[in-house]
């Protein structure tokens, strides 16, 4: 997911997206632990998506504090 697309979304949408990505990350970690993970690179992609979402949320939080 691209950061510019994330910036277009609302804060509530981003929080929902973050929750979905964390659930997906948990499921992928369980698959990895049981040896059922078909695409190991998917875990890396989800982890980076979570970081991007958190970055955008923190940018908004900091902008609100400055205003």
PDB file of N, CA and C in Angstrom:
ATOM      1  N   UNK A   1       0.847  -1.175   0.000  1.00  0.00           N
ATOM      2  CA  UNK A   1       0.000   0.000   0.000  1.00  0.00           C
ATOM      3  C   UNK A   1       0.892   1.237   0.000  1.00  0.00           C
ATOM      4  N   UNK A   2       0.524   2.194  -0.807  1.00  0.00           N
ATOM      5  CA  UNK A   2       1.317   3.401  -0.980  1.00  0.00           C
ATOM      6  C   UNK A   2       0.962   4.435   0.091  1.00  0.00           C
ATOM      7  N   UNK A   3       1.951   5.143   0.597  1.00  0.00           N
ATOM      8  CA  UNK A   3       1.734   6.123   1.658  1.00  0.00           C
ATOM      9  C   UNK A   3       0.847   7.276   1.187  1.00  0.00           C
ATOM     10  N   UNK A   4       0.946   7.644  -0.076  1.00  0.00           N
ATOM     11  CA  UNK A   4       0.106   8.747  -0.573  1.00  0.00           C
ATOM     12  C   UNK A   4      -1.369   8.352  -0.569  1.00  0.00           C
ATOM     13  N   UNK A   5      -1.647   7.092  -0.845  1.00  0.00           N
ATOM     14  CA  UNK A   5      -3.035   6.616  -0.792  1.00  0.00           C
ATOM     15  C   UNK A   5      -3.546   6.583   0.648  1.00  0.00           C
ATOM     16  N   UNK A   6      -2.643   6.263   1.572  1.00  0.00           N
ATOM     17  CA  UNK A   6      -3.025   6.237   2.978  1.00  0.00           C
ATOM     18  C   UNK A   6      -3.355   7.633   3.483  1.00  0.00           C
ATOM     19  N   UNK A   7      -2.634   8.631   3.002  1.00  0.00           N
ATOM     20  CA  UNK A   7      -2.871  10.005   3.449  1.00  0.00           C
ATOM     21  C   UNK A   7      -4.228  10.524   2.991  1.00  0.00           C
ATOM     22  N   UNK A   8      -4.780   9.941   1.939  1.00  0.00           N
ATOM     23  CA  UNK A   8      -6.090  10.347   1.444  1.00  0.00           C
ATOM     24  C   UNK A   8      -7.226   9.816   2.312  1.00  0.00           C
ATOM     25  N   UNK A   9      -6.966   8.763   3.071  1.00  0.00           N
ATOM     26  CA  UNK A   9      -7.994   8.148   3.902  1.00  0.00           C
ATOM     27  C   UNK A   9      -8.171   8.916   5.208  1.00  0.00           C
ATOM     28  N   UNK A  10      -9.332   8.745   5.819  1.00  0.00           N
ATOM     29  CA  UNK A  10      -9.607   9.371   7.098  1.00  0.00           C
ATOM     30  C   UNK A  10      -8.943   8.624   8.238  1.00  0.00           C
ATOM     31  N   UNK A  11      -8.908   9.256   9.393  1.00  0.00           N
ATOM     32  CA  UNK A  11      -8.248   8.664  10.555  1.00  0.00           C
ATOM     33  C   UNK A  11      -8.928   7.374  10.987  1.00  0.00           C
ATOM     34  N   UNK A  12     -10.257   7.360  10.994  1.00  0.00           N
ATOM     35  CA  UNK A  12     -10.974   6.142  11.377  1.00  0.00           C
ATOM     36  C   UNK A  12     -10.685   5.008  10.414  1.00  0.00           C
ATOM     37  N   UNK A  13     -10.644   5.318   9.128  1.00  0.00           N
ATOM     38  CA  UNK A  13     -10.336   4.301   8.128  1.00  0.00           C
ATOM     39  C   UNK A  13      -8.937   3.735   8.329  1.00  0.00           C
ATOM     40  N   UNK A  14      -8.015   4.603   8.679  1.00  0.00           N
ATOM     41  CA  UNK A  14      -6.640   4.150   8.917  1.00  0.00           C
ATOM     42  C   UNK A  14      -6.561   3.242  10.145  1.00  0.00           C
ATOM     43  N   UNK A  15      -7.314   3.589  11.176  1.00  0.00           N
ATOM     44  CA  UNK A  15      -7.306   2.747  12.375  1.00  0.00           C
ATOM     45  C   UNK A  15      -7.917   1.380  12.091  1.00  0.00           C
ATOM     46  N   UNK A  16      -8.964   1.351  11.274  1.00  0.00           N
ATOM     47  CA  UNK A  16      -9.559   0.070  10.879  1.00  0.00           C
ATOM     48  C   UNK A  16      -8.581  -0.743  10.039  1.00  0.00           C
ATOM     49  N   UNK A  17      -7.914  -0.071   9.128  1.00  0.00           N
ATOM     50  CA  UNK A  17      -6.920  -0.728   8.273  1.00  0.00           C
ATOM     51  C   UNK A  17      -5.778  -1.285   9.117  1.00  0.00           C
ATOM     52  N   UNK A  18      -5.354  -0.528  10.130  1.00  0.00           N
ATOM     53  CA  UNK A  18      -4.290  -0.974  11.025  1.00  0.00           C
ATOM     54  C   UNK A  18      -4.715  -2.238  11.766  1.00  0.00           C
ATOM     55  N   UNK A  19      -5.943  -2.256  12.249  1.00  0.00           N
ATOM     56  CA  UNK A  19      -6.447  -3.430  12.958  1.00  0.00           C
ATOM     57  C   UNK A  19      -6.491  -4.648  12.039  1.00  0.00           C
ATOM     58  N   UNK A  20      -6.942  -4.448  10.805  1.00  0.00           N
ATOM     59  CA  UNK A  20      -6.995  -5.550   9.841  1.00  0.00           C
ATOM     60  C   UNK A  20      -5.595  -6.083   9.537  1.00  0.00           C
ATOM     61  N   UNK A  21      -4.647  -5.182   9.367  1.00  0.00           N
ATOM     62  CA  UNK A  21      -3.270  -5.599   9.057  1.00  0.00           C
ATOM     63  C   UNK A  21      -2.648  -6.341  10.236  1.00  0.00           C
ATOM     64  N   UNK A  22      -2.943  -5.906  11.460  1.00  0.00           N
ATOM     65  CA  UNK A  22      -2.401  -6.611  12.626  1.00  0.00           C
ATOM     66  C   UNK A  22      -2.987  -8.008  12.745  1.00  0.00           C
ATOM     67  N   UNK A  23      -4.271  -8.158  12.428  1.00  0.00           N
ATOM     68  CA  UNK A  23      -4.884  -9.489  12.427  1.00  0.00           C
ATOM     69  C   UNK A  23      -4.240 -10.366  11.362  1.00  0.00           C
ATOM     70  N   UNK A  24      -4.012  -9.770  10.199  1.00  0.00           N
ATOM     71  CA  UNK A  24      -3.370 -10.507   9.117  1.00  0.00           C
ATOM     72  C   UNK A  24      -1.953 -10.923   9.514  1.00  0.00           C
ATOM     73  N   UNK A  25      -1.241 -10.032  10.174  1.00  0.00           N
ATOM     74  CA  UNK A  25       0.110 -10.340  10.628  1.00  0.00           C
ATOM     75  C   UNK A  25       0.081 -11.503  11.627  1.00  0.00           C
ATOM     76  N   UNK A  26      -0.857 -11.479  12.546  1.00  0.00           N
ATOM     77  CA  UNK A  26      -0.980 -12.553  13.524  1.00  0.00           C
ATOM     78  C   UNK A  26      -1.236 -13.885  12.823  1.00  0.00           C
ATOM     79  N   UNK A  27      -2.161 -13.877  11.863  1.00  0.00           N
ATOM     80  CA  UNK A  27      -2.477 -15.108  11.144  1.00  0.00           C
ATOM     81  C   UNK A  27      -1.267 -15.630  10.366  1.00  0.00           C
ATOM     82  N   UNK A  28      -0.525 -14.727   9.760  1.00  0.00           N
ATOM     83  CA  UNK A  28       0.669 -15.144   9.024  1.00  0.00           C
ATOM     84  C   UNK A  28       1.731 -15.708   9.964  1.00  0.00           C
ATOM     85  N   UNK A  29       1.863 -15.110  11.148  1.00  0.00           N
ATOM     86  CA  UNK A  29       2.828 -15.623  12.113  1.00  0.00           C
ATOM     87  C   UNK A  29       2.438 -17.022  12.587  1.00  0.00           C
ATOM     88  N   UNK A  30       1.147 -17.256  12.754  1.00  0.00           N
ATOM     89  CA  UNK A  30       0.690 -18.586  13.153  1.00  0.00           C
ATOM     90  C   UNK A  30       0.950 -19.601  12.039  1.00  0.00           C
ATOM     91  N   UNK A  31       0.725 -19.191  10.806  1.00  0.00           N
ATOM     92  CA  UNK A  31       1.005 -20.073   9.677  1.00  0.00           C
ATOM     93  C   UNK A  31       2.497 -20.396   9.597  1.00  0.00           C
ATOM     94  N   UNK A  32       3.320 -19.403   9.866  1.00  0.00           N
ATOM     95  CA  UNK A  32       4.773 -19.613   9.842  1.00  0.00           C
ATOM     96  C   UNK A  32       5.184 -20.597  10.931  1.00  0.00           C
ATOM     97  N   UNK A  33       4.584 -20.447  12.107  1.00  0.00           N
ATOM     98  CA  UNK A  33       4.935 -21.314  13.231  1.00  0.00           C
ATOM     99  C   UNK A  33       4.543 -22.761  12.984  1.00  0.00           C
ATOM    100  N   UNK A  34       3.449 -22.951  12.255  1.00  0.00           N
ATOM    101  CA  UNK A  34       2.982 -24.318  11.993  1.00  0.00           C
ATOM    102  C   UNK A  34       3.543 -24.871  10.680  1.00  0.00           C
ATOM    103  N   UNK A  35       4.328 -24.066   9.963  1.00  0.00           N
ATOM    104  CA  UNK A  35       4.927 -24.528   8.726  1.00  0.00           C
ATOM    105  C   UNK A  35       3.994 -24.492   7.534  1.00  0.00           C
ATOM    106  N   UNK A  36       2.920 -23.726   7.600  1.00  0.00           N
ATOM    107  CA  UNK A  36       1.941 -23.673   6.533  1.00  0.00           C
ATOM    108  C   UNK A  36       2.029 -22.389   5.700  1.00  0.00           C
ATOM    109  N   UNK A  37       3.002 -21.555   5.986  1.00  0.00           N
ATOM    110  CA  UNK A  37       3.121 -20.281   5.281  1.00  0.00           C
ATOM    111  C   UNK A  37       3.673 -20.521   3.878  1.00  0.00           C
ATOM    112  N   UNK A  38       2.845 -20.207   2.884  1.00  0.00           N
ATOM    113  CA  UNK A  38       3.230 -20.449   1.502  1.00  0.00           C
ATOM    114  C   UNK A  38       4.149 -19.378   0.946  1.00  0.00           C
ATOM    115  N   UNK A  39       3.926 -18.122   1.342  1.00  0.00           N
ATOM    116  CA  UNK A  39       4.719 -16.999   0.829  1.00  0.00           C
ATOM    117  C   UNK A  39       5.352 -16.247   2.000  1.00  0.00           C
ATOM    118  N   UNK A  40       6.575 -16.577   2.353  1.00  0.00           N
ATOM    119  CA  UNK A  40       7.233 -15.923   3.489  1.00  0.00           C
ATOM    120  C   UNK A  40       7.394 -14.417   3.322  1.00  0.00           C
ATOM    121  N   UNK A  41       7.450 -13.941   2.081  1.00  0.00           N
ATOM    122  CA  UNK A  41       7.611 -12.509   1.853  1.00  0.00           C
ATOM    123  C   UNK A  41       6.375 -11.719   2.259  1.00  0.00           C
ATOM    124  N   UNK A  42       5.239 -12.374   2.375  1.00  0.00           N
ATOM    125  CA  UNK A  42       4.000 -11.691   2.729  1.00  0.00           C
ATOM    126  C   UNK A  42       4.079 -11.093   4.128  1.00  0.00           C
ATOM    127  N   UNK A  43       4.777 -11.747   5.024  1.00  0.00           N
ATOM    128  CA  UNK A  43       4.943 -11.246   6.390  1.00  0.00           C
ATOM    129  C   UNK A  43       5.683  -9.903   6.376  1.00  0.00           C
ATOM    130  N   UNK A  44       6.680  -9.787   5.534  1.00  0.00           N
ATOM    131  CA  UNK A  44       7.446  -8.548   5.404  1.00  0.00           C
ATOM    132  C   UNK A  44       6.575  -7.422   4.855  1.00  0.00           C
ATOM    133  N   UNK A  45       5.752  -7.738   3.873  1.00  0.00           N
ATOM    134  CA  UNK A  45       4.871  -6.744   3.250  1.00  0.00           C
ATOM    135  C   UNK A  45       3.877  -6.208   4.269  1.00  0.00           C
ATOM    136  N   UNK A  46       3.274  -7.080   5.047  1.00  0.00           N
ATOM    137  CA  UNK A  46       2.283  -6.675   6.044  1.00  0.00           C
ATOM    138  C   UNK A  46       2.942  -5.831   7.131  1.00  0.00           C
ATOM    139  N   UNK A  47       4.125  -6.227   7.544  1.00  0.00           N
ATOM    140  CA  UNK A  47       4.841  -5.467   8.575  1.00  0.00           C
ATOM    141  C   UNK A  47       5.143  -4.042   8.102  1.00  0.00           C
ATOM    142  N   UNK A  48       5.515  -3.907   6.859  1.00  0.00           N
ATOM    143  CA  UNK A  48       5.796  -2.575   6.314  1.00  0.00           C
ATOM    144  C   UNK A  48       4.523  -1.756   6.142  1.00  0.00           C
ATOM    145  N   UNK A  49       3.422  -2.408   5.776  1.00  0.00           N
ATOM    146  CA  UNK A  49       2.139  -1.706   5.683  1.00  0.00           C
ATOM    147  C   UNK A  49       1.739  -1.143   7.038  1.00  0.00           C
ATOM    148  N   UNK A  50       1.933  -1.939   8.082  1.00  0.00           N
ATOM    149  CA  UNK A  50       1.616  -1.488   9.440  1.00  0.00           C
ATOM    150  C   UNK A  50       2.460  -0.260   9.783  1.00  0.00           C
ATOM    151  N   UNK A  51       3.729  -0.296   9.445  1.00  0.00           N
ATOM    152  CA  UNK A  51       4.621   0.836   9.730  1.00  0.00           C
ATOM    153  C   UNK A  51       4.179   2.086   8.976  1.00  0.00           C
ATOM    154  N   UNK A  52       3.760   1.925   7.724  1.00  0.00           N
ATOM    155  CA  UNK A  52       3.303   3.076   6.943  1.00  0.00           C
ATOM    156  C   UNK A  52       2.050   3.693   7.553  1.00  0.00           C
ATOM    157  N   UNK A  53       1.116   2.848   7.957  1.00  0.00           N
ATOM    158  CA  UNK A  53      -0.120   3.344   8.553  1.00  0.00           C
ATOM    159  C   UNK A  53       0.184   4.089   9.851  1.00  0.00           C
ATOM    160  N   UNK A  54       1.042   3.519  10.681  1.00  0.00           N
ATOM    161  CA  UNK A  54       1.401   4.166  11.934  1.00  0.00           C
ATOM    162  C   UNK A  54       2.103   5.505  11.690  1.00  0.00           C
ATOM    163  N   UNK A  55       2.908   5.571  10.656  1.00  0.00           N
ATOM    164  CA  UNK A  55       3.609   6.811  10.323  1.00  0.00           C
ATOM    165  C   UNK A  55       2.617   7.908   9.956  1.00  0.00           C
ATOM    166  N   UNK A  56       1.644   7.571   9.119  1.00  0.00           N
ATOM    167  CA  UNK A  56       0.646   8.561   8.698  1.00  0.00           C
ATOM    168  C   UNK A  56      -0.181   9.013   9.904  1.00  0.00           C
ATOM    169  N   UNK A  57      -0.560   8.078  10.770  1.00  0.00           N
ATOM    170  CA  UNK A  57      -1.330   8.439  11.962  1.00  0.00           C
ATOM    171  C   UNK A  57      -0.522   9.372  12.869  1.00  0.00           C
ATOM    172  N   UNK A  58       0.778   9.085  13.025  1.00  0.00           N
ATOM    173  CA  UNK A  58       1.625   9.946  13.857  1.00  0.00           C
ATOM    174  C   UNK A  58       1.824  11.318  13.230  1.00  0.00           C
ATOM    175  N   UNK A  59       1.905  11.381  11.911  1.00  0.00           N
ATOM    176  CA  UNK A  59       2.019  12.679  11.234  1.00  0.00           C
ATOM    177  C   UNK A  59       0.794  13.530  11.518  1.00  0.00           C
ATOM    178  N   UNK A  60      -0.379  12.910  11.461  1.00  0.00           N
ATOM    179  CA  UNK A  60      -1.618  13.636  11.722  1.00  0.00           C
ATOM    180  C   UNK A  60      -1.686  14.092  13.176  1.00  0.00           C
ATOM    181  N   UNK A  61      -1.275  13.224  14.079  1.00  0.00           N
ATOM    182  CA  UNK A  61      -1.294  13.559  15.495  1.00  0.00           C
ATOM    183  C   UNK A  61      -0.379  14.750  15.776  1.00  0.00           C
ATOM    184  N   UNK A  62       0.796  14.732  15.192  1.00  0.00           N
ATOM    185  CA  UNK A  62       1.743  15.840  15.385  1.00  0.00           C
ATOM    186  C   UNK A  62       1.237  17.124  14.756  1.00  0.00           C
ATOM    187  N   UNK A  63       0.582  17.027  13.632  1.00  0.00           N
ATOM    188  CA  UNK A  63       0.029  18.222  12.979  1.00  0.00           C
ATOM    189  C   UNK A  63      -1.081  18.838  13.820  1.00  0.00           C
ATOM    190  N   UNK A  64      -1.880  18.006  14.468  1.00  0.00           N
ATOM    191  CA  UNK A  64      -2.960  18.514  15.320  1.00  0.00           C
ATOM    192  C   UNK A  64      -2.377  19.206  16.555  1.00  0.00           C
ATOM    193  N   UNK A  65      -1.317  18.686  17.099  1.00  0.00           N
ATOM    194  CA  UNK A  65      -0.706  19.263  18.289  1.00  0.00           C
ATOM    195  C   UNK A  65      -0.069  20.623  17.984  1.00  0.00           C
ATOM    196  N   UNK A  66       0.450  20.786  16.791  1.00  0.00           N
ATOM    197  CA  UNK A  66       1.087  22.049  16.410  1.00  0.00           C
ATOM    198  C   UNK A  66       0.068  23.122  16.104  1.00  0.00           C
ATOM    199  N   UNK A  67      -1.089  22.708  15.622  1.00  0.00           N
ATOM    200  CA  UNK A  67      -2.113  23.697  15.214  1.00  0.00           C
ATOM    201  C   UNK A  67      -2.831  24.295  16.397  1.00  0.00           C
TER     202      UNK A  67
END
